[in-house]
Amino acid sequence: MSRATTLREPPSTIWNKLALTVAFLVGVGFVAGFVLPYFQLTEAALGRYSAKRAWLLLHISTGTVALLLGPFVLGLGLNRRRMQLHRAIGTAYIVSIALSAAAAFYLAFNTDLSWVFGMGLTGLAIAWIVTTSLAFVAIKKRLIPQHKEWMIRSYVVTLAFVNFRILVGILQAAGIGTVIEQIEAASWFCWAFPLLVTEAVLQGKKIVNPREATR
């Protein structure tokens, strides 16, 4: 067997790298297109959040940090590389989520749209805290496979910010419902449906290949 063959990365590693690279690039595009305009701090840019600008800026700035750090945390962790750096970035990721989720609760409880939208954001914040907290507890107990799975779930929830904009755009383009109904639907589907798909994939791999449960 040649040296090139022995050093060849397994397909799962290649797919992981590809998926995380795409996620990072999409995150950068999302930040450039939808997040940075808020920092103009004008009435036009802030819109209905003008009176809550401090909470909004806390939410989006720390959420952006989590969004952009996530691929690096997962990339290093899934491949068990440079673990000291992985822990440092992971700590920053967790702190960012804690701050962003706290601001999300305030914005959800004080929304001027509808209670359905507020509850969707509340559910998102809860899912964000639960998935990230369980990832943290799992690694403290040295439960490596569980830690990896909960980190994947955590980042799927982090991507809900991106999914929300995509879903609203699709509903608007399709002319489905009113603007408020589109926002309400997206506030739930942006995190609940991706989590369902993620769970089906994680558990389905264990059913198809039971060895996955111990990795």
N, C-alpha and C. Protein backbone atom coordinates (compact mmCIF):
# COMPACT_ATOMS: atom_id res chain seq x y z
N MET A 1 0.86 -1.20 0.00
CA MET A 1 0.00 0.00 0.00
C MET A 1 0.89 1.25 0.00
N SER A 2 0.61 2.18 -0.87
CA SER A 2 1.44 3.37 -0.98
C SER A 2 1.18 4.32 0.17
N ARG A 3 2.15 5.21 0.40
CA ARG A 3 2.01 6.21 1.46
C ARG A 3 0.83 7.15 1.19
N ALA A 4 0.61 7.48 -0.09
CA ALA A 4 -0.51 8.36 -0.46
C ALA A 4 -1.83 7.74 -0.09
N THR A 5 -1.91 6.40 -0.24
CA THR A 5 -3.16 5.72 0.09
C THR A 5 -3.41 5.71 1.59
N THR A 6 -2.34 5.48 2.38
CA THR A 6 -2.51 5.40 3.82
C THR A 6 -2.85 6.76 4.42
N LEU A 7 -2.40 7.84 3.76
CA LEU A 7 -2.66 9.18 4.30
C LEU A 7 -3.94 9.78 3.75
N ARG A 8 -4.60 9.07 2.88
CA ARG A 8 -5.81 9.59 2.27
C ARG A 8 -6.91 9.74 3.32
N GLU A 9 -7.57 10.87 3.30
CA GLU A 9 -8.62 11.12 4.29
C GLU A 9 -9.86 10.31 3.96
N PRO A 10 -10.57 9.80 4.98
CA PRO A 10 -11.81 9.06 4.73
C PRO A 10 -12.87 9.99 4.15
N PRO A 11 -13.83 9.45 3.40
CA PRO A 11 -14.87 10.29 2.80
C PRO A 11 -15.64 11.14 3.81
N SER A 12 -15.86 10.59 5.01
CA SER A 12 -16.62 11.34 6.02
C SER A 12 -15.89 12.62 6.42
N THR A 13 -14.55 12.54 6.52
CA THR A 13 -13.76 13.72 6.86
C THR A 13 -13.82 14.76 5.76
N ILE A 14 -13.76 14.30 4.52
CA ILE A 14 -13.83 15.22 3.38
C ILE A 14 -15.19 15.91 3.34
N TRP A 15 -16.25 15.15 3.56
CA TRP A 15 -17.60 15.73 3.55
C TRP A 15 -17.78 16.70 4.71
N ASN A 16 -17.20 16.37 5.87
CA ASN A 16 -17.28 17.28 7.01
C ASN A 16 -16.61 18.62 6.68
N LYS A 17 -15.43 18.55 6.09
CA LYS A 17 -14.70 19.77 5.73
C LYS A 17 -15.49 20.59 4.72
N LEU A 18 -16.07 19.92 3.74
CA LEU A 18 -16.84 20.61 2.72
C LEU A 18 -18.06 21.31 3.32
N ALA A 19 -18.78 20.56 4.18
CA ALA A 19 -19.98 21.12 4.80
C ALA A 19 -19.65 22.31 5.69
N LEU A 20 -18.57 22.21 6.46
CA LEU A 20 -18.19 23.30 7.35
C LEU A 20 -17.67 24.51 6.58
N THR A 21 -16.98 24.25 5.47
CA THR A 21 -16.52 25.36 4.63
C THR A 21 -17.70 26.12 4.04
N VAL A 22 -18.69 25.37 3.53
CA VAL A 22 -19.89 25.99 2.99
C VAL A 22 -20.63 26.78 4.07
N ALA A 23 -20.74 26.19 5.27
CA ALA A 23 -21.42 26.87 6.37
C ALA A 23 -20.72 28.18 6.72
N PHE A 24 -19.39 28.15 6.74
CA PHE A 24 -18.64 29.37 7.07
C PHE A 24 -18.85 30.44 6.00
N LEU A 25 -18.78 30.06 4.73
CA LEU A 25 -18.95 31.02 3.64
C LEU A 25 -20.36 31.60 3.63
N VAL A 26 -21.35 30.74 3.88
CA VAL A 26 -22.73 31.23 3.97
C VAL A 26 -22.87 32.18 5.15
N GLY A 27 -22.22 31.85 6.27
CA GLY A 27 -22.26 32.72 7.44
C GLY A 27 -21.65 34.08 7.16
N VAL A 28 -20.53 34.09 6.44
CA VAL A 28 -19.88 35.37 6.09
C VAL A 28 -20.80 36.20 5.20
N GLY A 29 -21.44 35.54 4.23
CA GLY A 29 -22.37 36.24 3.36
C GLY A 29 -23.55 36.79 4.12
N PHE A 30 -24.06 36.02 5.08
CA PHE A 30 -25.18 36.46 5.90
C PHE A 30 -24.80 37.68 6.73
N VAL A 31 -23.62 37.65 7.32
CA VAL A 31 -23.16 38.77 8.14
C VAL A 31 -23.03 40.03 7.30
N ALA A 32 -22.42 39.88 6.12
CA ALA A 32 -22.22 41.03 5.24
C ALA A 32 -23.54 41.61 4.75
N GLY A 33 -24.50 40.73 4.44
CA GLY A 33 -25.75 41.20 3.87
C GLY A 33 -26.80 41.63 4.85
N PHE A 34 -26.84 41.00 6.04
CA PHE A 34 -27.95 41.25 6.96
C PHE A 34 -27.55 41.77 8.33
N VAL A 35 -26.31 41.51 8.76
CA VAL A 35 -25.91 41.93 10.10
C VAL A 35 -25.22 43.29 10.10
N LEU A 36 -24.24 43.47 9.25
CA LEU A 36 -23.47 44.71 9.25
C LEU A 36 -24.32 45.97 9.05
N PRO A 37 -25.37 45.93 8.21
CA PRO A 37 -26.20 47.13 8.05
C PRO A 37 -26.77 47.67 9.36
N TYR A 38 -27.04 46.80 10.34
CA TYR A 38 -27.57 47.27 11.62
C TYR A 38 -26.58 48.20 12.33
N PHE A 39 -25.30 48.00 12.09
CA PHE A 39 -24.29 48.78 12.79
C PHE A 39 -24.13 50.19 12.22
N GLN A 40 -24.93 50.53 11.22
CA GLN A 40 -25.00 51.92 10.79
C GLN A 40 -25.67 52.77 11.86
N LEU A 41 -26.46 52.09 12.71
CA LEU A 41 -27.12 52.71 13.87
C LEU A 41 -28.04 53.87 13.48
N THR A 42 -28.58 53.82 12.28
CA THR A 42 -29.55 54.82 11.86
C THR A 42 -30.96 54.29 12.11
N GLU A 43 -31.94 55.20 12.13
CA GLU A 43 -33.32 54.79 12.34
C GLU A 43 -33.77 53.84 11.22
N ALA A 44 -33.31 54.13 10.00
CA ALA A 44 -33.70 53.29 8.86
C ALA A 44 -33.13 51.88 8.99
N ALA A 45 -31.89 51.78 9.47
CA ALA A 45 -31.24 50.48 9.59
C ALA A 45 -31.81 49.66 10.75
N LEU A 46 -32.09 50.31 11.86
CA LEU A 46 -32.57 49.62 13.06
C LEU A 46 -34.06 49.32 13.00
N GLY A 47 -34.82 50.15 12.31
CA GLY A 47 -36.25 49.92 12.17
C GLY A 47 -36.97 49.84 13.50
N ARG A 48 -37.76 48.79 13.66
CA ARG A 48 -38.56 48.62 14.89
C ARG A 48 -37.70 48.34 16.11
N TYR A 49 -36.43 48.05 15.90
CA TYR A 49 -35.55 47.75 17.03
C TYR A 49 -34.79 48.99 17.53
N SER A 50 -35.15 50.15 17.03
CA SER A 50 -34.43 51.37 17.39
C SER A 50 -34.43 51.60 18.90
N ALA A 51 -35.57 51.36 19.55
CA ALA A 51 -35.66 51.58 20.99
C ALA A 51 -34.97 50.48 21.79
N LYS A 52 -34.63 49.39 21.13
CA LYS A 52 -33.99 48.26 21.82
C LYS A 52 -32.61 48.01 21.23
N ARG A 53 -31.97 49.06 20.74
CA ARG A 53 -30.73 48.88 19.99
C ARG A 53 -29.63 48.20 20.78
N ALA A 54 -29.54 48.50 22.08
CA ALA A 54 -28.47 47.89 22.89
C ALA A 54 -28.63 46.37 22.94
N TRP A 55 -29.86 45.92 23.16
CA TRP A 55 -30.11 44.47 23.21
C TRP A 55 -29.93 43.84 21.83
N LEU A 56 -30.38 44.54 20.79
CA LEU A 56 -30.23 44.01 19.45
C LEU A 56 -28.75 43.86 19.08
N LEU A 57 -27.96 44.88 19.37
CA LEU A 57 -26.55 44.84 19.02
C LEU A 57 -25.80 43.77 19.81
N LEU A 58 -26.18 43.58 21.08
CA LEU A 58 -25.60 42.50 21.87
C LEU A 58 -25.93 41.16 21.25
N HIS A 59 -27.20 41.01 20.86
CA HIS A 59 -27.66 39.74 20.29
C HIS A 59 -26.95 39.42 18.97
N ILE A 60 -26.91 40.38 18.06
CA ILE A 60 -26.37 40.08 16.74
C ILE A 60 -24.84 40.02 16.74
N SER A 61 -24.20 40.81 17.59
CA SER A 61 -22.73 40.79 17.60
C SER A 61 -22.20 39.48 18.18
N THR A 62 -22.74 39.07 19.32
CA THR A 62 -22.29 37.81 19.92
C THR A 62 -22.78 36.61 19.12
N GLY A 63 -23.98 36.74 18.53
CA GLY A 63 -24.47 35.66 17.67
C GLY A 63 -23.59 35.49 16.44
N THR A 64 -23.08 36.60 15.91
CA THR A 64 -22.18 36.55 14.76
C THR A 64 -20.88 35.83 15.13
N VAL A 65 -20.36 36.10 16.32
CA VAL A 65 -19.15 35.43 16.77
C VAL A 65 -19.37 33.91 16.81
N ALA A 66 -20.50 33.49 17.37
CA ALA A 66 -20.81 32.05 17.44
C ALA A 66 -20.97 31.46 16.04
N LEU A 67 -21.63 32.21 15.16
CA LEU A 67 -21.87 31.73 13.79
C LEU A 67 -20.56 31.49 13.05
N LEU A 68 -19.61 32.39 13.20
CA LEU A 68 -18.35 32.29 12.46
C LEU A 68 -17.33 31.38 13.13
N LEU A 69 -17.43 31.21 14.46
CA LEU A 69 -16.52 30.31 15.16
C LEU A 69 -16.94 28.85 15.05
N GLY A 70 -18.23 28.62 14.89
CA GLY A 70 -18.76 27.26 14.87
C GLY A 70 -18.04 26.29 13.95
N PRO A 71 -17.81 26.64 12.68
CA PRO A 71 -17.13 25.70 11.78
C PRO A 71 -15.73 25.33 12.25
N PHE A 72 -15.02 26.27 12.88
CA PHE A 72 -13.67 25.98 13.36
C PHE A 72 -13.72 25.07 14.60
N VAL A 73 -14.67 25.32 15.49
CA VAL A 73 -14.83 24.46 16.67
C VAL A 73 -15.14 23.03 16.23
N LEU A 74 -16.10 22.89 15.33
CA LEU A 74 -16.48 21.56 14.87
C LEU A 74 -15.38 20.90 14.06
N GLY A 75 -14.72 21.67 13.20
CA GLY A 75 -13.67 21.10 12.37
C GLY A 75 -12.54 20.51 13.18
N LEU A 76 -12.09 21.25 14.18
CA LEU A 76 -11.00 20.77 15.03
C LEU A 76 -11.47 19.61 15.91
N GLY A 77 -12.68 19.73 16.45
CA GLY A 77 -13.19 18.71 17.38
C GLY A 77 -13.50 17.40 16.71
N LEU A 78 -14.15 17.44 15.55
CA LEU A 78 -14.52 16.20 14.87
C LEU A 78 -13.30 15.43 14.41
N ASN A 79 -12.23 16.15 14.10
CA ASN A 79 -11.01 15.49 13.63
C ASN A 79 -9.97 15.30 14.73
N ARG A 80 -10.30 15.73 15.96
CA ARG A 80 -9.41 15.58 17.11
C ARG A 80 -8.04 16.19 16.82
N ARG A 81 -8.04 17.45 16.33
CA ARG A 81 -6.80 18.13 16.00
C ARG A 81 -6.67 19.40 16.83
N ARG A 82 -5.43 19.73 17.23
CA ARG A 82 -5.11 20.98 17.93
C ARG A 82 -6.13 21.25 19.05
N MET A 83 -6.19 20.32 19.99
CA MET A 83 -7.26 20.34 20.99
C MET A 83 -7.19 21.54 21.93
N GLN A 84 -5.99 22.06 22.18
CA GLN A 84 -5.90 23.26 23.02
C GLN A 84 -6.58 24.45 22.34
N LEU A 85 -6.33 24.60 21.04
CA LEU A 85 -7.00 25.65 20.28
C LEU A 85 -8.50 25.39 20.21
N HIS A 86 -8.86 24.12 20.04
CA HIS A 86 -10.28 23.74 20.00
C HIS A 86 -10.98 24.17 21.28
N ARG A 87 -10.35 23.94 22.43
CA ARG A 87 -10.97 24.31 23.71
C ARG A 87 -11.09 25.83 23.85
N ALA A 88 -10.07 26.56 23.39
CA ALA A 88 -10.11 28.02 23.49
C ALA A 88 -11.23 28.60 22.63
N ILE A 89 -11.32 28.13 21.39
CA ILE A 89 -12.37 28.61 20.49
C ILE A 89 -13.74 28.16 21.00
N GLY A 90 -13.79 26.93 21.53
CA GLY A 90 -15.04 26.42 22.06
C GLY A 90 -15.56 27.25 23.23
N THR A 91 -14.64 27.70 24.08
CA THR A 91 -15.04 28.55 25.20
C THR A 91 -15.63 29.86 24.70
N ALA A 92 -14.98 30.47 23.70
CA ALA A 92 -15.49 31.71 23.13
C ALA A 92 -16.85 31.48 22.48
N TYR A 93 -17.03 30.33 21.84
CA TYR A 93 -18.30 29.97 21.21
C TYR A 93 -19.42 29.88 22.25
N ILE A 94 -19.14 29.21 23.37
CA ILE A 94 -20.14 29.04 24.42
C ILE A 94 -20.52 30.37 25.07
N VAL A 95 -19.51 31.20 25.37
CA VAL A 95 -19.77 32.50 25.98
C VAL A 95 -20.60 33.37 25.04
N SER A 96 -20.28 33.34 23.77
CA SER A 96 -21.02 34.13 22.78
C SER A 96 -22.49 33.70 22.73
N ILE A 97 -22.73 32.41 22.79
CA ILE A 97 -24.10 31.91 22.76
C ILE A 97 -24.84 32.31 24.02
N ALA A 98 -24.19 32.24 25.17
CA ALA A 98 -24.84 32.63 26.43
C ALA A 98 -25.29 34.09 26.37
N LEU A 99 -24.43 34.96 25.89
CA LEU A 99 -24.77 36.39 25.81
C LEU A 99 -25.85 36.65 24.76
N SER A 100 -25.71 36.02 23.60
CA SER A 100 -26.68 36.24 22.53
C SER A 100 -28.05 35.69 22.90
N ALA A 101 -28.08 34.54 23.57
CA ALA A 101 -29.36 33.95 23.98
C ALA A 101 -30.04 34.82 25.03
N ALA A 102 -29.28 35.39 25.96
CA ALA A 102 -29.85 36.27 26.98
C ALA A 102 -30.53 37.47 26.31
N ALA A 103 -29.86 38.06 25.33
CA ALA A 103 -30.45 39.19 24.61
C ALA A 103 -31.66 38.73 23.80
N ALA A 104 -31.60 37.51 23.27
CA ALA A 104 -32.72 36.98 22.49
C ALA A 104 -33.97 36.85 23.35
N PHE A 105 -33.81 36.41 24.59
CA PHE A 105 -34.96 36.32 25.49
C PHE A 105 -35.60 37.68 25.70
N TYR A 106 -34.78 38.69 25.91
CA TYR A 106 -35.33 40.04 26.11
C TYR A 106 -36.09 40.50 24.87
N LEU A 107 -35.49 40.32 23.70
CA LEU A 107 -36.14 40.76 22.47
C LEU A 107 -37.42 39.97 22.21
N ALA A 108 -37.41 38.68 22.54
CA ALA A 108 -38.61 37.86 22.32
C ALA A 108 -39.74 38.28 23.24
N PHE A 109 -39.41 38.57 24.50
CA PHE A 109 -40.44 38.94 25.47
C PHE A 109 -40.95 40.37 25.26
N ASN A 110 -40.21 41.15 24.49
CA ASN A 110 -40.58 42.55 24.28
C ASN A 110 -40.79 42.87 22.79
N THR A 111 -41.18 41.86 22.02
CA THR A 111 -41.40 42.08 20.60
C THR A 111 -42.68 42.88 20.37
N ASP A 112 -42.67 43.67 19.32
CA ASP A 112 -43.87 44.42 18.97
C ASP A 112 -44.54 43.84 17.73
N LEU A 113 -44.18 42.60 17.39
CA LEU A 113 -44.81 41.93 16.26
C LEU A 113 -46.01 41.10 16.72
N SER A 114 -45.76 39.88 17.17
CA SER A 114 -46.85 39.03 17.65
C SER A 114 -46.30 38.04 18.67
N TRP A 115 -47.22 37.49 19.47
CA TRP A 115 -46.78 36.53 20.49
C TRP A 115 -46.29 35.24 19.86
N VAL A 116 -46.81 34.89 18.67
CA VAL A 116 -46.36 33.68 17.98
C VAL A 116 -44.89 33.83 17.58
N PHE A 117 -44.54 35.00 17.06
CA PHE A 117 -43.15 35.28 16.69
C PHE A 117 -42.27 35.28 17.94
N GLY A 118 -42.76 35.90 19.01
CA GLY A 118 -42.00 35.94 20.26
C GLY A 118 -41.76 34.55 20.82
N MET A 119 -42.76 33.68 20.73
CA MET A 119 -42.60 32.32 21.23
C MET A 119 -41.64 31.51 20.35
N GLY A 120 -41.66 31.79 19.05
CA GLY A 120 -40.72 31.10 18.16
C GLY A 120 -39.29 31.45 18.52
N LEU A 121 -39.03 32.74 18.78
CA LEU A 121 -37.69 33.17 19.19
C LEU A 121 -37.32 32.62 20.56
N THR A 122 -38.32 32.54 21.45
CA THR A 122 -38.05 31.97 22.78
C THR A 122 -37.66 30.50 22.66
N GLY A 123 -38.39 29.75 21.82
CA GLY A 123 -38.05 28.35 21.60
C GLY A 123 -36.66 28.20 21.02
N LEU A 124 -36.30 29.09 20.10
CA LEU A 124 -34.96 29.07 19.51
C LEU A 124 -33.89 29.30 20.58
N ALA A 125 -34.10 30.30 21.44
CA ALA A 125 -33.12 30.60 22.50
C ALA A 125 -32.99 29.43 23.46
N ILE A 126 -34.12 28.79 23.80
CA ILE A 126 -34.07 27.64 24.71
C ILE A 126 -33.31 26.49 24.07
N ALA A 127 -33.62 26.20 22.79
CA ALA A 127 -32.92 25.12 22.09
C ALA A 127 -31.43 25.41 22.00
N TRP A 128 -31.07 26.67 21.82
CA TRP A 128 -29.67 27.07 21.73
C TRP A 128 -28.94 26.80 23.04
N ILE A 129 -29.58 27.18 24.15
CA ILE A 129 -28.96 26.99 25.46
C ILE A 129 -28.88 25.51 25.81
N VAL A 130 -29.96 24.77 25.55
CA VAL A 130 -29.99 23.35 25.92
C VAL A 130 -28.94 22.56 25.14
N THR A 131 -28.89 22.72 23.83
CA THR A 131 -27.94 21.94 23.03
C THR A 131 -26.49 22.28 23.39
N THR A 132 -26.22 23.56 23.59
CA THR A 132 -24.85 23.96 23.92
C THR A 132 -24.47 23.53 25.33
N SER A 133 -25.40 23.64 26.27
CA SER A 133 -25.13 23.24 27.65
C SER A 133 -24.85 21.74 27.74
N LEU A 134 -25.62 20.94 27.02
CA LEU A 134 -25.40 19.49 27.05
C LEU A 134 -24.08 19.11 26.39
N ALA A 135 -23.68 19.87 25.37
CA ALA A 135 -22.36 19.63 24.77
C ALA A 135 -21.27 19.91 25.80
N PHE A 136 -21.44 20.97 26.57
CA PHE A 136 -20.45 21.34 27.59
C PHE A 136 -20.40 20.29 28.71
N VAL A 137 -21.57 19.86 29.19
CA VAL A 137 -21.62 18.86 30.25
C VAL A 137 -21.02 17.54 29.77
N ALA A 138 -21.31 17.17 28.52
CA ALA A 138 -20.81 15.91 27.98
C ALA A 138 -19.28 15.89 27.95
N ILE A 139 -18.67 17.00 27.53
CA ILE A 139 -17.20 17.00 27.46
C ILE A 139 -16.60 17.04 28.86
N LYS A 140 -17.26 17.66 29.80
CA LYS A 140 -16.76 17.67 31.18
C LYS A 140 -16.76 16.26 31.77
N LYS A 141 -17.69 15.42 31.30
CA LYS A 141 -17.78 14.04 31.76
C LYS A 141 -17.01 13.09 30.84
N ARG A 142 -16.25 13.65 29.90
CA ARG A 142 -15.43 12.88 28.96
C ARG A 142 -16.28 11.98 28.06
N LEU A 143 -17.49 12.39 27.77
CA LEU A 143 -18.35 11.64 26.88
C LEU A 143 -18.17 12.21 25.47
N ILE A 144 -17.11 11.78 24.81
CA ILE A 144 -16.70 12.38 23.54
C ILE A 144 -17.76 12.24 22.44
N PRO A 145 -18.31 11.03 22.20
CA PRO A 145 -19.31 10.92 21.12
C PRO A 145 -20.53 11.80 21.36
N GLN A 146 -21.00 11.84 22.63
CA GLN A 146 -22.16 12.68 22.94
C GLN A 146 -21.82 14.16 22.78
N HIS A 147 -20.60 14.53 23.16
CA HIS A 147 -20.18 15.92 23.01
C HIS A 147 -20.20 16.34 21.54
N LYS A 148 -19.69 15.48 20.68
CA LYS A 148 -19.68 15.80 19.25
C LYS A 148 -21.09 15.99 18.72
N GLU A 149 -21.98 15.08 19.11
CA GLU A 149 -23.36 15.16 18.62
C GLU A 149 -24.05 16.43 19.10
N TRP A 150 -23.86 16.78 20.38
CA TRP A 150 -24.53 17.98 20.90
C TRP A 150 -23.92 19.25 20.34
N MET A 151 -22.64 19.23 19.99
CA MET A 151 -22.04 20.39 19.34
C MET A 151 -22.60 20.56 17.93
N ILE A 152 -22.83 19.45 17.24
CA ILE A 152 -23.45 19.53 15.92
C ILE A 152 -24.84 20.13 16.04
N ARG A 153 -25.62 19.65 17.01
CA ARG A 153 -26.96 20.20 17.21
C ARG A 153 -26.90 21.68 17.56
N SER A 154 -25.94 22.04 18.41
CA SER A 154 -25.79 23.44 18.81
C SER A 154 -25.54 24.33 17.59
N TYR A 155 -24.67 23.89 16.70
CA TYR A 155 -24.36 24.73 15.54
C TYR A 155 -25.52 24.77 14.54
N VAL A 156 -26.27 23.69 14.48
CA VAL A 156 -27.47 23.70 13.64
C VAL A 156 -28.43 24.78 14.13
N VAL A 157 -28.57 24.90 15.45
CA VAL A 157 -29.42 25.96 16.00
C VAL A 157 -28.81 27.33 15.74
N THR A 158 -27.49 27.44 15.83
CA THR A 158 -26.83 28.71 15.53
C THR A 158 -27.13 29.17 14.11
N LEU A 159 -27.21 28.23 13.19
CA LEU A 159 -27.51 28.54 11.79
C LEU A 159 -28.96 28.96 11.58
N ALA A 160 -29.76 28.92 12.62
CA ALA A 160 -31.16 29.34 12.50
C ALA A 160 -31.28 30.79 12.04
N PHE A 161 -30.30 31.63 12.41
CA PHE A 161 -30.32 33.02 11.96
C PHE A 161 -30.31 33.08 10.43
N VAL A 162 -29.46 32.26 9.83
CA VAL A 162 -29.37 32.22 8.37
C VAL A 162 -30.64 31.62 7.78
N ASN A 163 -31.09 30.50 8.37
CA ASN A 163 -32.28 29.83 7.88
C ASN A 163 -33.50 30.74 7.90
N PHE A 164 -33.59 31.58 8.94
CA PHE A 164 -34.73 32.48 9.07
C PHE A 164 -34.84 33.39 7.86
N ARG A 165 -33.72 34.00 7.47
CA ARG A 165 -33.73 34.91 6.33
C ARG A 165 -34.06 34.17 5.04
N ILE A 166 -33.52 32.97 4.89
CA ILE A 166 -33.78 32.18 3.69
C ILE A 166 -35.26 31.83 3.60
N LEU A 167 -35.84 31.38 4.71
CA LEU A 167 -37.25 30.98 4.72
C LEU A 167 -38.17 32.16 4.44
N VAL A 168 -37.89 33.29 5.06
CA VAL A 168 -38.72 34.48 4.81
C VAL A 168 -38.65 34.86 3.34
N GLY A 169 -37.45 34.81 2.77
CA GLY A 169 -37.28 35.13 1.36
C GLY A 169 -38.07 34.19 0.46
N ILE A 170 -38.03 32.89 0.78
CA ILE A 170 -38.77 31.90 -0.02
C ILE A 170 -40.27 32.14 0.07
N LEU A 171 -40.77 32.38 1.28
CA LEU A 171 -42.20 32.61 1.47
C LEU A 171 -42.66 33.89 0.77
N GLN A 172 -41.83 34.91 0.82
CA GLN A 172 -42.17 36.16 0.14
C GLN A 172 -42.18 35.97 -1.37
N ALA A 173 -41.18 35.25 -1.88
CA ALA A 173 -41.11 35.01 -3.33
C ALA A 173 -42.29 34.17 -3.81
N ALA A 174 -42.74 33.24 -2.95
CA ALA A 174 -43.86 32.37 -3.32
C ALA A 174 -45.21 33.04 -3.06
N GLY A 175 -45.19 34.18 -2.38
CA GLY A 175 -46.43 34.89 -2.08
C GLY A 175 -47.33 34.15 -1.11
N ILE A 176 -46.72 33.42 -0.17
CA ILE A 176 -47.49 32.65 0.80
C ILE A 176 -47.71 33.47 2.07
N GLY A 177 -48.97 33.71 2.41
CA GLY A 177 -49.31 34.39 3.66
C GLY A 177 -48.97 35.87 3.66
N THR A 178 -49.29 36.50 4.78
CA THR A 178 -48.95 37.91 4.98
C THR A 178 -47.51 38.01 5.48
N VAL A 179 -47.00 39.22 5.56
CA VAL A 179 -45.64 39.42 6.04
C VAL A 179 -45.49 38.90 7.47
N ILE A 180 -46.45 39.20 8.31
CA ILE A 180 -46.40 38.73 9.71
C ILE A 180 -46.44 37.21 9.77
N GLU A 181 -47.32 36.59 8.97
CA GLU A 181 -47.42 35.13 8.96
C GLU A 181 -46.12 34.50 8.46
N GLN A 182 -45.48 35.11 7.49
CA GLN A 182 -44.20 34.61 6.99
C GLN A 182 -43.13 34.64 8.07
N ILE A 183 -43.08 35.75 8.82
CA ILE A 183 -42.09 35.89 9.89
C ILE A 183 -42.39 34.91 11.02
N GLU A 184 -43.66 34.75 11.35
CA GLU A 184 -44.05 33.81 12.41
C GLU A 184 -43.66 32.38 12.05
N ALA A 185 -43.98 31.98 10.82
CA ALA A 185 -43.66 30.61 10.39
C ALA A 185 -42.15 30.39 10.39
N ALA A 186 -41.41 31.37 9.89
CA ALA A 186 -39.95 31.23 9.82
C ALA A 186 -39.31 31.17 11.20
N SER A 187 -39.90 31.86 12.18
CA SER A 187 -39.33 31.87 13.53
C SER A 187 -39.37 30.49 14.18
N TRP A 188 -40.26 29.62 13.71
CA TRP A 188 -40.33 28.25 14.22
C TRP A 188 -39.56 27.27 13.32
N PHE A 189 -39.80 27.35 12.02
CA PHE A 189 -39.20 26.38 11.10
C PHE A 189 -37.69 26.55 10.98
N CYS A 190 -37.17 27.76 11.24
CA CYS A 190 -35.74 27.99 11.05
C CYS A 190 -34.87 27.16 11.97
N TRP A 191 -35.42 26.69 13.10
CA TRP A 191 -34.62 25.88 14.01
C TRP A 191 -35.23 24.50 14.26
N ALA A 192 -36.58 24.42 14.32
CA ALA A 192 -37.21 23.14 14.66
C ALA A 192 -37.02 22.10 13.56
N PHE A 193 -37.24 22.49 12.31
CA PHE A 193 -37.10 21.53 11.22
C PHE A 193 -35.64 21.09 11.01
N PRO A 194 -34.66 22.01 10.99
CA PRO A 194 -33.26 21.56 10.88
C PRO A 194 -32.83 20.64 12.01
N LEU A 195 -33.32 20.89 13.24
CA LEU A 195 -32.99 20.00 14.36
C LEU A 195 -33.57 18.60 14.14
N LEU A 196 -34.80 18.54 13.60
CA LEU A 196 -35.42 17.25 13.32
C LEU A 196 -34.60 16.48 12.29
N VAL A 197 -34.20 17.15 11.23
CA VAL A 197 -33.40 16.50 10.19
C VAL A 197 -32.05 16.04 10.76
N THR A 198 -31.42 16.90 11.57
CA THR A 198 -30.13 16.55 12.18
C THR A 198 -30.27 15.31 13.05
N GLU A 199 -31.33 15.26 13.84
CA GLU A 199 -31.54 14.11 14.72
C GLU A 199 -31.76 12.84 13.92
N ALA A 200 -32.51 12.96 12.84
CA ALA A 200 -32.76 11.79 11.99
C ALA A 200 -31.45 11.27 11.40
N VAL A 201 -30.57 12.18 10.99
CA VAL A 201 -29.28 11.78 10.41
C VAL A 201 -28.39 11.14 11.47
N LEU A 202 -28.27 11.80 12.64
CA LEU A 202 -27.40 11.28 13.70
C LEU A 202 -27.84 9.90 14.18
N GLN A 203 -29.12 9.74 14.41
CA GLN A 203 -29.62 8.47 14.91
C GLN A 203 -29.71 7.43 13.80
N GLY A 204 -30.02 7.89 12.58
CA GLY A 204 -30.11 6.97 11.46
C GLY A 204 -28.77 6.31 11.17
N LYS A 205 -27.66 7.06 11.31
CA LYS A 205 -26.32 6.50 11.10
C LYS A 205 -26.05 5.37 12.09
N LYS A 206 -26.54 5.52 13.31
CA LYS A 206 -26.33 4.48 14.32
C LYS A 206 -27.15 3.23 14.03
N ILE A 207 -28.30 3.43 13.43
CA ILE A 207 -29.15 2.28 13.08
C ILE A 207 -28.53 1.51 11.92
N VAL A 208 -28.06 2.27 10.91
CA VAL A 208 -27.46 1.64 9.74
C VAL A 208 -26.11 1.02 10.09
N ASN A 209 -25.33 1.74 10.91
CA ASN A 209 -24.00 1.26 11.32
C ASN A 209 -23.87 1.41 12.84
N PRO A 210 -24.20 0.35 13.60
CA PRO A 210 -24.16 0.45 15.07
C PRO A 210 -22.83 0.89 15.63
N ARG A 211 -21.74 0.72 14.90
CA ARG A 211 -20.45 1.15 15.40
C ARG A 211 -20.37 2.66 15.57
N GLU A 212 -21.23 3.39 14.85
CA GLU A 212 -21.24 4.85 14.96
C GLU A 212 -21.58 5.30 16.37
N ALA A 213 -22.32 4.48 17.11
CA ALA A 213 -22.76 4.85 18.45
C ALA A 213 -21.59 4.95 19.43
N THR A 214 -20.45 4.34 19.10
CA THR A 214 -19.32 4.34 20.03
C THR A 214 -18.19 5.25 19.57
N ARG A 215 -18.36 5.97 18.48
CA ARG A 215 -17.28 6.82 17.96
C ARG A 215 -17.37 8.21 18.52
